[in-house]
Protein backbone atom coordinates (compact mmCIF):
# COMPACT_ATOMS: atom_id res chain seq x y z
CA MET A 1 0.00 0.00 0.00
CA THR A 2 1.43 3.36 -0.97
CA LYS A 3 1.11 6.44 1.15
CA MET A 4 -1.18 9.23 0.02
CA THR A 5 0.41 12.65 -0.38
CA TYR A 6 -1.23 15.81 0.90
CA VAL A 7 -1.81 16.95 -2.68
CA GLU A 8 -3.63 13.68 -3.47
CA ALA A 9 -5.73 14.01 -0.30
CA ILE A 10 -6.68 17.56 -1.23
CA ASP A 11 -7.65 16.41 -4.74
CA LEU A 12 -9.98 13.81 -3.25
CA ALA A 13 -11.48 16.37 -0.85
CA VAL A 14 -12.10 18.82 -3.70
CA ILE A 15 -13.91 16.13 -5.69
CA ALA A 16 -16.03 15.18 -2.65
CA LEU A 17 -16.91 18.78 -1.72
CA GLY A 18 -17.80 20.08 -5.16
CA GLU A 19 -17.78 23.85 -5.67
CA GLY A 20 -17.68 26.42 -2.89
CA GLU A 21 -15.47 28.53 -0.65
CA ALA A 22 -13.94 25.50 1.07
CA THR A 23 -12.97 24.08 -2.31
CA ASP A 24 -11.34 27.36 -3.33
CA ARG A 25 -9.26 27.38 -0.15
CA LEU A 26 -8.26 23.77 -0.64
CA LEU A 27 -7.16 24.50 -4.20
CA ALA A 28 -5.05 27.44 -2.96
CA LEU A 29 -3.46 25.16 -0.34
CA ARG A 30 -2.81 22.56 -3.02
CA GLU A 31 -0.93 25.11 -5.12
CA GLN A 32 1.21 26.09 -2.12
CA LEU A 33 2.08 22.44 -1.46
CA ALA A 34 2.89 21.82 -5.12
CA LYS A 35 5.22 24.84 -5.22
CA ARG A 36 6.95 23.83 -2.00
CA GLY A 37 7.53 20.30 -3.26
CA SER A 38 8.97 21.41 -6.58
CA LYS A 39 11.58 23.71 -4.99
CA HIS A 40 13.49 20.88 -3.45
CA GLY A 41 15.19 18.14 -5.40
CA MET A 42 16.66 14.98 -4.01
CA THR A 43 19.29 15.23 -1.31
CA LYS A 44 22.82 13.96 -1.86
CA THR A 45 22.05 10.82 0.16
CA GLN A 46 18.85 10.15 -1.80
CA LYS A 47 20.79 10.40 -5.07
CA GLU A 48 23.42 8.00 -3.75
CA ASN A 49 20.70 5.58 -2.63
CA VAL A 50 19.19 5.51 -6.13
CA ASP A 51 22.58 4.40 -7.46
CA LEU A 52 23.02 1.88 -4.63
CA ARG A 53 19.60 0.33 -5.28
CA GLU A 54 20.45 -0.11 -8.96
CA ARG A 55 23.77 -1.73 -8.08
CA MET A 56 21.99 -4.01 -5.59
CA VAL A 57 19.56 -5.23 -8.27
CA GLU A 58 22.51 -5.93 -10.59
CA ALA A 59 24.30 -7.87 -7.83
CA LEU A 60 21.15 -9.89 -7.08
CA ALA A 61 20.76 -10.76 -10.78
CA ASN A 62 23.67 -13.20 -10.37
CA GLY A 63 21.82 -15.09 -7.62
CA GLY A 64 19.95 -14.54 -4.36
CA MET A 65 21.72 -13.20 -1.29
CA THR A 66 20.97 -12.31 2.30
CA ALA A 67 21.08 -8.69 3.43
CA THR A 68 24.36 -9.40 5.24
CA GLU A 69 26.00 -10.94 2.18
CA LEU A 70 24.86 -8.05 0.02
CA ALA A 71 26.07 -5.48 2.57
CA LYS A 72 29.54 -7.04 2.57
CA LYS A 73 29.63 -7.14 -1.22
CA MET A 74 28.49 -3.49 -1.53
CA ASP A 75 30.68 -2.34 1.41
CA ILE A 76 27.76 -0.75 3.30
CA SER A 77 26.18 -1.41 6.69
CA VAL A 78 23.67 -4.23 7.07
CA GLN A 79 21.10 -1.69 8.28
CA LYS A 80 21.45 0.38 5.11
CA ALA A 81 21.31 -2.74 2.94
CA SER A 82 18.14 -3.89 4.73
CA ALA A 83 16.48 -0.49 4.34
CA LEU A 84 17.29 -0.30 0.63
CA LEU A 85 16.19 -3.90 0.08
CA ARG A 86 12.90 -3.11 1.81
CA GLN A 87 12.38 -0.23 -0.65
CA LEU A 88 13.14 -2.56 -3.57
CA VAL A 89 10.67 -5.15 -2.25
CA VAL A 90 7.94 -2.48 -1.96
CA ALA A 91 8.73 -1.37 -5.53
CA GLU A 92 8.42 -5.07 -6.53
CA ARG A 93 11.87 -5.11 -8.12
CA VAL A 94 13.21 -7.62 -5.58
CA ALA A 95 11.48 -10.63 -4.01
CA ARG A 96 11.94 -11.64 -0.37
CA VAL A 97 12.27 -15.43 -0.05
CA LYS A 98 12.31 -17.19 3.31
CA GLU A 99 14.30 -20.43 3.38
CA GLY A 100 13.90 -21.87 6.86
CA LYS A 101 15.29 -19.20 9.17
CA VAL A 102 17.24 -17.46 6.42
CA ILE A 103 15.74 -14.62 4.39
CA ARG A 104 17.20 -14.23 0.91
CA PHE A 105 16.51 -11.60 -1.70
CA GLU A 106 16.22 -12.28 -5.43
CA VAL A 107 15.38 -10.20 -8.48
CA ALA A 108 11.61 -10.30 -8.97
């Protein structure tokens, strides 16, 4: 399940309310939120994580690995590897496979 943004919530509220003063105010708030969101790009860490996720998918293409194995191969912490793998699982690019007590990750 993906999270709903404030802009999406406002769009739904505008549809439900129809026309009126409340709708006008919601539309003005929506514009403010849209402007605020467009001012900021990705942070340096976010840009690095995009690259790391791509490299992780490439590494997993050669065969499934645990988060610990992948962290060692990528030279990052296990916590960071787990967090990025979780994002890849949510994006359905990587599958989480449980083999007994061991959790392995494979390209979906």
